[in-house]
């Protein structure tokens, strides 16, 4: 909550994750297949990603690449 008002988290779709990570959608789907990212699925099958999890993964990935 922020100032007593509940805020609704804005989840990212696959394209949004790809843009945020500066990779292709196929790379995001690969990360899902190997268990690096865990989306939730809507009833219609759309993958939704928690932006906090995505940011954490991108940060960790960057740290590993620069090491």
PDB file of N, CA and C in Angstrom:
ATOM      1  N   UNK A   1       0.826  -1.178   0.000  1.00  0.00           N
ATOM      2  CA  UNK A   1       0.000   0.000   0.000  1.00  0.00           C
ATOM      3  C   UNK A   1       0.868   1.239   0.000  1.00  0.00           C
ATOM      4  N   UNK A   2       0.359   2.265  -0.579  1.00  0.00           N
ATOM      5  CA  UNK A   2       1.072   3.529  -0.647  1.00  0.00           C
ATOM      6  C   UNK A   2       0.095   4.632  -0.265  1.00  0.00           C
ATOM      7  N   UNK A   3       0.376   5.346   0.821  1.00  0.00           N
ATOM      8  CA  UNK A   3      -0.508   6.412   1.303  1.00  0.00           C
ATOM      9  C   UNK A   3      -1.935   5.908   1.543  1.00  0.00           C
ATOM     10  N   UNK A   4      -2.052   4.667   2.012  1.00  0.00           N
ATOM     11  CA  UNK A   4      -3.361   4.128   2.316  1.00  0.00           C
ATOM     12  C   UNK A   4      -4.161   3.692   1.111  1.00  0.00           C
ATOM     13  N   UNK A   5      -3.571   3.722  -0.073  1.00  0.00           N
ATOM     14  CA  UNK A   5      -4.285   3.329  -1.289  1.00  0.00           C
ATOM     15  C   UNK A   5      -3.609   2.093  -1.867  1.00  0.00           C
ATOM     16  N   UNK A   6      -4.383   1.060  -2.087  1.00  0.00           N
ATOM     17  CA  UNK A   6      -3.839  -0.155  -2.677  1.00  0.00           C
ATOM     18  C   UNK A   6      -3.561   0.094  -4.151  1.00  0.00           C
ATOM     19  N   UNK A   7      -2.395  -0.330  -4.597  1.00  0.00           N
ATOM     20  CA  UNK A   7      -2.077  -0.178  -6.019  1.00  0.00           C
ATOM     21  C   UNK A   7      -2.041  -1.555  -6.657  1.00  0.00           C
ATOM     22  N   UNK A   8      -2.544  -1.639  -7.849  1.00  0.00           N
ATOM     23  CA  UNK A   8      -2.591  -2.895  -8.574  1.00  0.00           C
ATOM     24  C   UNK A   8      -1.300  -3.051  -9.371  1.00  0.00           C
ATOM     25  N   UNK A   9      -0.638  -4.177  -9.188  1.00  0.00           N
ATOM     26  CA  UNK A   9       0.612  -4.434  -9.891  1.00  0.00           C
ATOM     27  C   UNK A   9       0.338  -4.643 -11.380  1.00  0.00           C
ATOM     28  N   UNK A  10       1.142  -4.028 -12.205  1.00  0.00           N
ATOM     29  CA  UNK A  10       1.012  -4.168 -13.653  1.00  0.00           C
ATOM     30  C   UNK A  10       1.946  -5.280 -14.131  1.00  0.00           C
ATOM     31  N   UNK A  11       1.382  -6.406 -14.489  1.00  0.00           N
ATOM     32  CA  UNK A  11       2.179  -7.526 -14.965  1.00  0.00           C
ATOM     33  C   UNK A  11       2.592  -7.294 -16.419  1.00  0.00           C
ATOM     34  N   UNK A  12       3.694  -7.912 -16.798  1.00  0.00           N
ATOM     35  CA  UNK A  12       4.234  -7.770 -18.152  1.00  0.00           C
ATOM     36  C   UNK A  12       3.895  -8.985 -18.988  1.00  0.00           C
ATOM     37  N   UNK A  13       3.583  -8.750 -20.251  1.00  0.00           N
ATOM     38  CA  UNK A  13       3.421  -9.857 -21.189  1.00  0.00           C
ATOM     39  C   UNK A  13       4.793 -10.154 -21.784  1.00  0.00           C
ATOM     40  N   UNK A  14       4.900 -11.202 -22.556  1.00  0.00           N
ATOM     41  CA  UNK A  14       6.177 -11.644 -23.110  1.00  0.00           C
ATOM     42  C   UNK A  14       6.898 -10.520 -23.848  1.00  0.00           C
ATOM     43  N   UNK A  15       6.180  -9.760 -24.661  1.00  0.00           N
ATOM     44  CA  UNK A  15       6.797  -8.665 -25.411  1.00  0.00           C
ATOM     45  C   UNK A  15       7.377  -7.613 -24.472  1.00  0.00           C
ATOM     46  N   UNK A  16       6.662  -7.316 -23.399  1.00  0.00           N
ATOM     47  CA  UNK A  16       7.142  -6.341 -22.431  1.00  0.00           C
ATOM     48  C   UNK A  16       8.412  -6.785 -21.749  1.00  0.00           C
ATOM     49  N   UNK A  17       8.490  -8.079 -21.434  1.00  0.00           N
ATOM     50  CA  UNK A  17       9.717  -8.619 -20.828  1.00  0.00           C
ATOM     51  C   UNK A  17      10.869  -8.520 -21.824  1.00  0.00           C
ATOM     52  N   UNK A  18      10.599  -8.874 -23.072  1.00  0.00           N
ATOM     53  CA  UNK A  18      11.640  -8.826 -24.107  1.00  0.00           C
ATOM     54  C   UNK A  18      12.183  -7.405 -24.258  1.00  0.00           C
ATOM     55  N   UNK A  19      11.298  -6.423 -24.298  1.00  0.00           N
ATOM     56  CA  UNK A  19      11.735  -5.033 -24.422  1.00  0.00           C
ATOM     57  C   UNK A  19      12.547  -4.605 -23.205  1.00  0.00           C
ATOM     58  N   UNK A  20      12.094  -4.992 -22.033  1.00  0.00           N
ATOM     59  CA  UNK A  20      12.774  -4.609 -20.799  1.00  0.00           C
ATOM     60  C   UNK A  20      14.164  -5.231 -20.715  1.00  0.00           C
ATOM     61  N   UNK A  21      14.290  -6.482 -21.168  1.00  0.00           N
ATOM     62  CA  UNK A  21      15.571  -7.192 -21.094  1.00  0.00           C
ATOM     63  C   UNK A  21      16.430  -6.985 -22.335  1.00  0.00           C
ATOM     64  N   UNK A  22      15.860  -6.308 -23.333  1.00  0.00           N
ATOM     65  CA  UNK A  22      16.563  -6.064 -24.606  1.00  0.00           C
ATOM     66  C   UNK A  22      16.974  -7.368 -25.288  1.00  0.00           C
ATOM     67  N   UNK A  23      16.003  -8.284 -25.364  1.00  0.00           N
ATOM     68  CA  UNK A  23      16.188  -9.571 -26.039  1.00  0.00           C
ATOM     69  C   UNK A  23      14.949  -9.834 -26.895  1.00  0.00           C
ATOM     70  N   UNK A  24      14.975 -10.926 -27.635  1.00  0.00           N
ATOM     71  CA  UNK A  24      13.822 -11.298 -28.450  1.00  0.00           C
ATOM     72  C   UNK A  24      12.767 -12.007 -27.596  1.00  0.00           C
ATOM     73  N   UNK A  25      11.544 -12.067 -28.124  1.00  0.00           N
ATOM     74  CA  UNK A  25      10.484 -12.814 -27.444  1.00  0.00           C
ATOM     75  C   UNK A  25      10.865 -14.288 -27.329  1.00  0.00           C
ATOM     76  N   UNK A  26      11.555 -14.789 -28.345  1.00  0.00           N
ATOM     77  CA  UNK A  26      11.981 -16.193 -28.320  1.00  0.00           C
ATOM     78  C   UNK A  26      12.924 -16.460 -27.153  1.00  0.00           C
ATOM     79  N   UNK A  27      13.790 -15.501 -26.840  1.00  0.00           N
ATOM     80  CA  UNK A  27      14.702 -15.653 -25.699  1.00  0.00           C
ATOM     81  C   UNK A  27      13.916 -15.706 -24.398  1.00  0.00           C
ATOM     82  N   UNK A  28      12.898 -14.859 -24.270  1.00  0.00           N
ATOM     83  CA  UNK A  28      12.061 -14.883 -23.069  1.00  0.00           C
ATOM     84  C   UNK A  28      11.392 -16.250 -22.940  1.00  0.00           C
ATOM     85  N   UNK A  29      10.854 -16.770 -24.025  1.00  0.00           N
ATOM     86  CA  UNK A  29      10.202 -18.086 -23.983  1.00  0.00           C
ATOM     87  C   UNK A  29      11.205 -19.188 -23.655  1.00  0.00           C
ATOM     88  N   UNK A  30      12.440 -19.042 -24.107  1.00  0.00           N
ATOM     89  CA  UNK A  30      13.500 -19.990 -23.745  1.00  0.00           C
ATOM     90  C   UNK A  30      13.738 -19.942 -22.236  1.00  0.00           C
ATOM     91  N   UNK A  31      13.825 -18.736 -21.671  1.00  0.00           N
ATOM     92  CA  UNK A  31      14.025 -18.596 -20.227  1.00  0.00           C
ATOM     93  C   UNK A  31      12.888 -19.250 -19.457  1.00  0.00           C
ATOM     94  N   UNK A  32      11.674 -19.160 -19.987  1.00  0.00           N
ATOM     95  CA  UNK A  32      10.532 -19.819 -19.343  1.00  0.00           C
ATOM     96  C   UNK A  32      10.715 -21.337 -19.411  1.00  0.00           C
ATOM     97  N   UNK A  33      11.076 -21.844 -20.592  1.00  0.00           N
ATOM     98  CA  UNK A  33      11.244 -23.303 -20.770  1.00  0.00           C
ATOM     99  C   UNK A  33      12.293 -23.878 -19.829  1.00  0.00           C
ATOM    100  N   UNK A  34      13.380 -23.136 -19.594  1.00  0.00           N
ATOM    101  CA  UNK A  34      14.444 -23.671 -18.733  1.00  0.00           C
ATOM    102  C   UNK A  34      14.260 -23.283 -17.264  1.00  0.00           C
ATOM    103  N   UNK A  35      13.153 -22.605 -16.960  1.00  0.00           N
ATOM    104  CA  UNK A  35      12.818 -22.313 -15.574  1.00  0.00           C
ATOM    105  C   UNK A  35      13.443 -21.066 -14.981  1.00  0.00           C
ATOM    106  N   UNK A  36      14.001 -20.207 -15.809  1.00  0.00           N
ATOM    107  CA  UNK A  36      14.607 -18.969 -15.298  1.00  0.00           C
ATOM    108  C   UNK A  36      13.549 -17.924 -14.942  1.00  0.00           C
ATOM    109  N   UNK A  37      12.430 -17.928 -15.651  1.00  0.00           N
ATOM    110  CA  UNK A  37      11.304 -17.045 -15.367  1.00  0.00           C
ATOM    111  C   UNK A  37      10.046 -17.887 -15.248  1.00  0.00           C
ATOM    112  N   UNK A  38       9.165 -17.491 -14.331  1.00  0.00           N
ATOM    113  CA  UNK A  38       7.933 -18.255 -14.095  1.00  0.00           C
ATOM    114  C   UNK A  38       6.712 -17.354 -14.251  1.00  0.00           C
ATOM    115  N   UNK A  39       6.113 -17.382 -15.421  1.00  0.00           N
ATOM    116  CA  UNK A  39       4.911 -16.565 -15.615  1.00  0.00           C
ATOM    117  C   UNK A  39       3.694 -17.231 -15.002  1.00  0.00           C
ATOM    118  N   UNK A  40       2.673 -16.423 -14.798  1.00  0.00           N
ATOM    119  CA  UNK A  40       1.368 -17.002 -14.494  1.00  0.00           C
ATOM    120  C   UNK A  40       0.623 -17.026 -15.821  1.00  0.00           C
ATOM    121  N   UNK A  41      -0.382 -17.865 -15.929  1.00  0.00           N
ATOM    122  CA  UNK A  41      -1.155 -17.967 -17.165  1.00  0.00           C
ATOM    123  C   UNK A  41      -2.578 -17.520 -16.910  1.00  0.00           C
ATOM    124  N   UNK A  42      -3.083 -16.710 -17.820  1.00  0.00           N
ATOM    125  CA  UNK A  42      -4.488 -16.327 -17.734  1.00  0.00           C
ATOM    126  C   UNK A  42      -5.324 -17.492 -18.250  1.00  0.00           C
ATOM    127  N   UNK A  43      -6.623 -17.398 -18.091  1.00  0.00           N
ATOM    128  CA  UNK A  43      -7.524 -18.446 -18.576  1.00  0.00           C
ATOM    129  C   UNK A  43      -7.389 -18.634 -20.081  1.00  0.00           C
ATOM    130  N   UNK A  44      -7.029 -17.567 -20.786  1.00  0.00           N
ATOM    131  CA  UNK A  44      -6.881 -17.663 -22.241  1.00  0.00           C
ATOM    132  C   UNK A  44      -5.463 -18.080 -22.660  1.00  0.00           C
ATOM    133  N   UNK A  45      -4.584 -18.334 -21.671  1.00  0.00           N
ATOM    134  CA  UNK A  45      -3.246 -18.830 -21.981  1.00  0.00           C
ATOM    135  C   UNK A  45      -2.165 -17.774 -22.107  1.00  0.00           C
ATOM    136  N   UNK A  46      -2.495 -16.520 -21.873  1.00  0.00           N
ATOM    137  CA  UNK A  46      -1.498 -15.448 -21.961  1.00  0.00           C
ATOM    138  C   UNK A  46      -0.551 -15.545 -20.778  1.00  0.00           C
ATOM    139  N   UNK A  47       0.738 -15.435 -21.052  1.00  0.00           N
ATOM    140  CA  UNK A  47       1.744 -15.449 -19.995  1.00  0.00           C
ATOM    141  C   UNK A  47       1.879 -14.040 -19.416  1.00  0.00           C
ATOM    142  N   UNK A  48       1.845 -13.947 -18.096  1.00  0.00           N
ATOM    143  CA  UNK A  48       2.037 -12.682 -17.411  1.00  0.00           C
ATOM    144  C   UNK A  48       3.186 -12.831 -16.423  1.00  0.00           C
ATOM    145  N   UNK A  49       4.081 -11.859 -16.454  1.00  0.00           N
ATOM    146  CA  UNK A  49       5.285 -11.909 -15.632  1.00  0.00           C
ATOM    147  C   UNK A  49       5.263 -10.814 -14.581  1.00  0.00           C
ATOM    148  N   UNK A  50       5.680 -11.170 -13.378  1.00  0.00           N
ATOM    149  CA  UNK A  50       5.795 -10.206 -12.292  1.00  0.00           C
ATOM    150  C   UNK A  50       6.991  -9.292 -12.603  1.00  0.00           C
ATOM    151  N   UNK A  51       6.773  -7.978 -12.714  1.00  0.00           N
ATOM    152  CA  UNK A  51       7.872  -7.080 -13.077  1.00  0.00           C
ATOM    153  C   UNK A  51       9.021  -7.089 -12.074  1.00  0.00           C
ATOM    154  N   UNK A  52       8.731  -7.338 -10.795  1.00  0.00           N
ATOM    155  CA  UNK A  52       9.800  -7.410  -9.796  1.00  0.00           C
ATOM    156  C   UNK A  52      10.702  -8.618 -10.057  1.00  0.00           C
ATOM    157  N   UNK A  53      10.092  -9.760 -10.392  1.00  0.00           N
ATOM    158  CA  UNK A  53      10.860 -10.964 -10.711  1.00  0.00           C
ATOM    159  C   UNK A  53      11.699 -10.744 -11.971  1.00  0.00           C
ATOM    160  N   UNK A  54      11.109 -10.103 -12.969  1.00  0.00           N
ATOM    161  CA  UNK A  54      11.817  -9.830 -14.220  1.00  0.00           C
ATOM    162  C   UNK A  54      13.018  -8.922 -13.958  1.00  0.00           C
ATOM    163  N   UNK A  55      12.807  -7.856 -13.204  1.00  0.00           N
ATOM    164  CA  UNK A  55      13.908  -6.929 -12.905  1.00  0.00           C
ATOM    165  C   UNK A  55      15.025  -7.626 -12.131  1.00  0.00           C
ATOM    166  N   UNK A  56      14.659  -8.468 -11.174  1.00  0.00           N
ATOM    167  CA  UNK A  56      15.650  -9.215 -10.397  1.00  0.00           C
ATOM    168  C   UNK A  56      16.449 -10.141 -11.321  1.00  0.00           C
ATOM    169  N   UNK A  57      15.756 -10.839 -12.216  1.00  0.00           N
ATOM    170  CA  UNK A  57      16.437 -11.741 -13.139  1.00  0.00           C
ATOM    171  C   UNK A  57      17.390 -10.969 -14.060  1.00  0.00           C
ATOM    172  N   UNK A  58      16.940  -9.851 -14.581  1.00  0.00           N
ATOM    173  CA  UNK A  58      17.780  -9.037 -15.470  1.00  0.00           C
ATOM    174  C   UNK A  58      19.023  -8.549 -14.715  1.00  0.00           C
ATOM    175  N   UNK A  59      18.825  -8.096 -13.487  1.00  0.00           N
ATOM    176  CA  UNK A  59      19.942  -7.618 -12.668  1.00  0.00           C
ATOM    177  C   UNK A  59      20.949  -8.747 -12.418  1.00  0.00           C
ATOM    178  N   UNK A  60      20.456  -9.927 -12.018  1.00  0.00           N
ATOM    179  CA  UNK A  60      21.337 -11.068 -11.749  1.00  0.00           C
ATOM    180  C   UNK A  60      22.049 -11.516 -13.020  1.00  0.00           C
ATOM    181  N   UNK A  61      21.344 -11.506 -14.118  1.00  0.00           N
ATOM    182  CA  UNK A  61      21.929 -11.901 -15.392  1.00  0.00           C
ATOM    183  C   UNK A  61      23.058 -10.943 -15.771  1.00  0.00           C
ATOM    184  N   UNK A  62      22.847  -9.643 -15.549  1.00  0.00           N
ATOM    185  CA  UNK A  62      23.873  -8.648 -15.828  1.00  0.00           C
ATOM    186  C   UNK A  62      25.091  -8.808 -14.950  1.00  0.00           C
ATOM    187  N   UNK A  63      24.872  -9.156 -13.680  1.00  0.00           N
ATOM    188  CA  UNK A  63      25.984  -9.365 -12.756  1.00  0.00           C
ATOM    189  C   UNK A  63      26.823 -10.562 -13.187  1.00  0.00           C
ATOM    190  N   UNK A  64      26.176 -11.633 -13.630  1.00  0.00           N
ATOM    191  CA  UNK A  64      26.897 -12.834 -14.069  1.00  0.00           C
ATOM    192  C   UNK A  64      27.682 -12.562 -15.334  1.00  0.00           C
ATOM    193  N   UNK A  65      27.108 -11.766 -16.244  1.00  0.00           N
ATOM    194  CA  UNK A  65      27.781 -11.473 -17.507  1.00  0.00           C
ATOM    195  C   UNK A  65      29.004 -10.586 -17.320  1.00  0.00           C
ATOM    196  N   UNK A  66      28.974  -9.715 -16.301  1.00  0.00           N
ATOM    197  CA  UNK A  66      30.089  -8.801 -16.089  1.00  0.00           C
ATOM    198  C   UNK A  66      31.166  -9.407 -15.202  1.00  0.00           C
ATOM    199  N   UNK A  67      30.884 -10.562 -14.609  1.00  0.00           N
ATOM    200  CA  UNK A  67      31.865 -11.212 -13.718  1.00  0.00           C
ATOM    201  C   UNK A  67      32.931 -11.963 -14.492  1.00  0.00           C
TER     202      UNK A  67
END
